[in-house]
C-alpha atoms as a PDB file:
ATOM      1  CA  MET A   1     -12.127 -24.321  43.077  1.00  0.00           C
ATOM      2  CA  LYS A   2     -10.636 -20.521  42.402  1.00  0.00           C
ATOM      3  CA  GLN A   3      -7.571 -21.864  40.339  1.00  0.00           C
ATOM      4  CA  SER A   4      -9.725 -23.262  37.584  1.00  0.00           C
ATOM      5  CA  LEU A   5     -11.914 -20.192  37.417  1.00  0.00           C
ATOM      6  CA  LEU A   6      -8.945 -18.377  36.936  1.00  0.00           C
ATOM      7  CA  LYS A   7      -7.533 -20.454  34.219  1.00  0.00           C
ATOM      8  CA  SER A   8     -10.956 -20.031  32.251  1.00  0.00           C
ATOM      9  CA  GLU A   9     -11.124 -16.580  32.559  1.00  0.00           C
ATOM     10  CA  PHE A  10      -7.535 -16.312  30.799  1.00  0.00           C
ATOM     11  CA  VAL A  11      -8.158 -18.652  28.286  1.00  0.00           C
ATOM     12  CA  HIS A  12      -8.928 -16.031  25.464  1.00  0.00           C
ATOM     13  CA  LEU A  13      -5.771 -14.378  26.299  1.00  0.00           C
ATOM     14  CA  ARG A  14      -3.365 -17.153  24.623  1.00  0.00           C
ATOM     15  CA  ILE A  15      -1.410 -16.508  21.598  1.00  0.00           C
ATOM     16  CA  PRO A  16      -2.463 -19.077  18.664  1.00  0.00           C
ATOM     17  CA  ARG A  17       0.516 -21.046  17.355  1.00  0.00           C
ATOM     18  CA  ALA A  18       0.329 -19.262  13.841  1.00  0.00           C
ATOM     19  CA  GLN A  19       0.172 -15.649  15.174  1.00  0.00           C
ATOM     20  CA  THR A  20       2.282 -14.043  12.185  1.00  0.00           C
ATOM     21  CA  SER A  21       1.931 -10.327  13.754  1.00  0.00           C
ATOM     22  CA  ARG A  22       4.653  -8.593  16.154  1.00  0.00           C
ATOM     23  CA  LEU A  23       3.763  -8.545  19.821  1.00  0.00           C
ATOM     24  CA  ASN A  24       5.285  -5.039  20.034  1.00  0.00           C
ATOM     25  CA  PRO A  25       2.952  -2.390  19.679  1.00  0.00           C
ATOM     26  CA  PHE A  26       5.188  -0.091  18.631  1.00  0.00           C
ATOM     27  CA  ASP A  27       5.573  -2.372  15.207  1.00  0.00           C
ATOM     28  CA  GLY A  28       2.639  -1.223  13.476  1.00  0.00           C
ATOM     29  CA  ARG A  29      -0.010  -3.849  13.505  1.00  0.00           C
ATOM     30  CA  GLY A  30       2.927  -6.491  12.544  1.00  0.00           C
ATOM     31  CA  ARG A  31       3.413  -5.048   9.215  1.00  0.00           C
ATOM     32  CA  SER A  32       6.465  -5.737   7.227  1.00  0.00           C
ATOM     33  CA  VAL A  33       8.183  -2.858   5.771  1.00  0.00           C
ATOM     34  CA  THR A  34       7.725  -4.452   1.856  1.00  0.00           C
ATOM     35  CA  ASP A  35       3.800  -4.686   3.304  1.00  0.00           C
ATOM     36  CA  ARG A  36       3.717  -0.974   3.952  1.00  0.00           C
ATOM     37  CA  ARG A  37       4.925   0.041   1.014  1.00  0.00           C
ATOM     38  CA  ARG A  38       2.710  -2.371  -1.009  1.00  0.00           C
ATOM     39  CA  ASN A  39      -0.261  -0.957   0.626  1.00  0.00           C
ATOM     40  CA  HIS A  40       0.866   2.452   0.512  1.00  0.00           C
ATOM     41  CA  GLY A  41       1.569   2.392  -3.354  1.00  0.00           C
ATOM     42  CA  ALA A  42      -1.102   0.689  -4.394  1.00  0.00           C
ATOM     43  CA  VAL A  43      -3.056   3.789  -3.404  1.00  0.00           C
ATOM     44  CA  GLY A  44      -0.504   6.115  -5.135  1.00  0.00           C
ATOM     45  CA  ARG A  45       0.932   7.693  -2.091  1.00  0.00           C
ATOM     46  CA  LEU A  46       4.260   8.973  -1.791  1.00  0.00           C
ATOM     47  CA  GLU A  47       6.863   7.006   0.039  1.00  0.00           C
ATOM     48  CA  PRO A  48       7.830   8.689   3.262  1.00  0.00           C
ATOM     49  CA  GLU A  49      11.124   9.853   2.527  1.00  0.00           C
ATOM     50  CA  ASP A  50      10.039  11.299  -0.981  1.00  0.00           C
ATOM     51  CA  PHE A  51       7.203  13.388   1.065  1.00  0.00           C
ATOM     52  CA  ARG A  52      10.150  14.636   3.612  1.00  0.00           C
ATOM     53  CA  ARG A  53      12.042  15.412   0.743  1.00  0.00           C
ATOM     54  CA  ARG A  54       9.493  17.071  -1.030  1.00  0.00           C
ATOM     55  CA  TRP A  55       8.216  18.793   1.960  1.00  0.00           C
ATOM     56  CA  SER A  56      11.915  20.219   2.620  1.00  0.00           C
ATOM     57  CA  MET A  57      11.885  21.810  -1.186  1.00  0.00           C
ATOM     58  CA  LEU A  58       8.527  23.096  -0.138  1.00  0.00           C
ATOM     59  CA  LEU A  59       9.321  24.980   2.719  1.00  0.00           C
ATOM     60  CA  ILE A  60      13.122  26.055   1.012  1.00  0.00           C
ATOM     61  CA  SER A  61      11.234  27.638  -1.788  1.00  0.00           C
ATOM     62  CA  ASN A  62       8.451  29.610   0.409  1.00  0.00           C
ATOM     63  CA  PHE A  63      10.468  31.050   3.277  1.00  0.00           C
ATOM     64  CA  GLY A  64      13.563  32.586   3.135  1.00  0.00           C
ATOM     65  CA  SER A  65      14.716  31.424   6.866  1.00  0.00           C
ATOM     66  CA  ARG A  66      13.346  28.708   9.399  1.00  0.00           C
ATOM     67  CA  GLU A  67      12.091  31.426  11.695  1.00  0.00           C
ATOM     68  CA  LEU A  68       9.850  32.794   9.390  1.00  0.00           C
ATOM     69  CA  CYS A  69       8.467  29.256   8.498  1.00  0.00           C
ATOM     70  CA  ALA A  70       7.811  28.673  12.198  1.00  0.00           C
ATOM     71  CA  VAL A  71       6.018  31.815  12.699  1.00  0.00           C
ATOM     72  CA  HIS A  72       3.978  30.883   9.837  1.00  0.00           C
ATOM     73  CA  PHE A  73       2.833  27.585  10.913  1.00  0.00           C
ATOM     74  CA  GLY A  74       3.029  28.387  14.545  1.00  0.00           C
ATOM     75  CA  VAL A  75       5.251  25.480  15.093  1.00  0.00           C
ATOM     76  CA  THR A  76       8.400  25.834  17.327  1.00  0.00           C
ATOM     77  CA  PHE A  77      12.043  26.367  15.652  1.00  0.00           C
ATOM     78  CA  GLN A  78      13.226  23.501  16.327  1.00  0.00           C
ATOM     79  CA  THR A  79      10.195  21.679  14.221  1.00  0.00           C
ATOM     80  CA  SER A  80      10.954  23.961  11.588  1.00  0.00           C
ATOM     81  CA  CYS A  81      14.687  22.849  11.444  1.00  0.00           C
ATOM     82  CA  ASN A  82      13.860  19.398  10.957  1.00  0.00           C
ATOM     83  CA  TRP A  83      10.854  20.049   8.451  1.00  0.00           C
ATOM     84  CA  PHE A  84      14.023  22.270   6.331  1.00  0.00           C
ATOM     85  CA  ASP A  85      16.415  19.175   6.886  1.00  0.00           C
ATOM     86  CA  GLY A  86      13.990  16.637   6.189  1.00  0.00           C
ATOM     87  CA  LEU A  87      13.999  14.735   9.110  1.00  0.00           C
ATOM     88  CA  CYS A  88      10.572  14.421  10.153  1.00  0.00           C
ATOM     89  CA  THR A  89       7.277  15.203   8.373  1.00  0.00           C
ATOM     90  CA  PRO A  90       4.148  17.584   9.665  1.00  0.00           C
ATOM     91  CA  THR A  91       0.767  16.592  10.940  1.00  0.00           C
ATOM     92  CA  GLY A  92      -2.210  16.296   8.335  1.00  0.00           C
ATOM     93  CA  ASP A  93      -3.502  19.899   9.808  1.00  0.00           C
ATOM     94  CA  VAL A  94      -0.481  21.441   8.834  1.00  0.00           C
ATOM     95  CA  VAL A  95      -0.367  20.056   5.499  1.00  0.00           C
ATOM     96  CA  ASP A  96      -3.637  21.183   4.718  1.00  0.00           C
ATOM     97  CA  PHE A  97      -2.884  24.409   5.683  1.00  0.00           C
ATOM     98  CA  ALA A  98      -0.028  24.587   3.643  1.00  0.00           C
ATOM     99  CA  ALA A  99      -2.022  23.838   0.978  1.00  0.00           C
ATOM    100  CA  GLN A 100      -4.559  26.521   1.428  1.00  0.00           C
ATOM    101  CA  SER A 101      -1.594  28.886   1.743  1.00  0.00           C
ATOM    102  CA  LEU A 102       1.244  28.252  -0.261  1.00  0.00           C
ATOM    103  CA  PRO A 103       0.786  29.176  -4.026  1.00  0.00           C
ATOM    104  CA  ASN A 104       3.158  26.570  -5.308  1.00  0.00           C
ATOM    105  CA  TYR A 105       2.276  23.720  -3.579  1.00  0.00           C
ATOM    106  CA  ALA A 106       0.842  21.273  -5.951  1.00  0.00           C
ATOM    107  CA  ALA A 107       3.630  22.213  -8.651  1.00  0.00           C
ATOM    108  CA  VAL A 108       6.185  21.216  -5.430  1.00  0.00           C
ATOM    109  CA  MET A 109       4.403  18.274  -3.978  1.00  0.00           C
ATOM    110  CA  TRP A 110       2.691  16.475  -6.631  1.00  0.00           C
ATOM    111  CA  GLY A 111       4.608  17.996 -10.101  1.00  0.00           C
ATOM    112  CA  LYS A 112       1.642  20.093 -11.399  1.00  0.00           C
END
């Protein structure tokens, strides 16, 4: 009796045969790179590579050194180096602070 109850409890955990999403939770809801590009391009967003390049140009044009950038944004020196080299992107609160505090933000990031 107990075995049949366990089987009935776990019926909802079966994966359907037509499952198209990936099982790895780090793959991002099963979207491929082309799907991500299509969805982001539809709303006019920058590609991640373009954003990293423009973010790097913004920091280089506004700060004379990586140390000044780290102090301005309150991040570690290594994070500042990664931004300058275009290896990673900041979080939303940092981007918002940059938009408010850097005078040429719109010109560099959006070409305005």
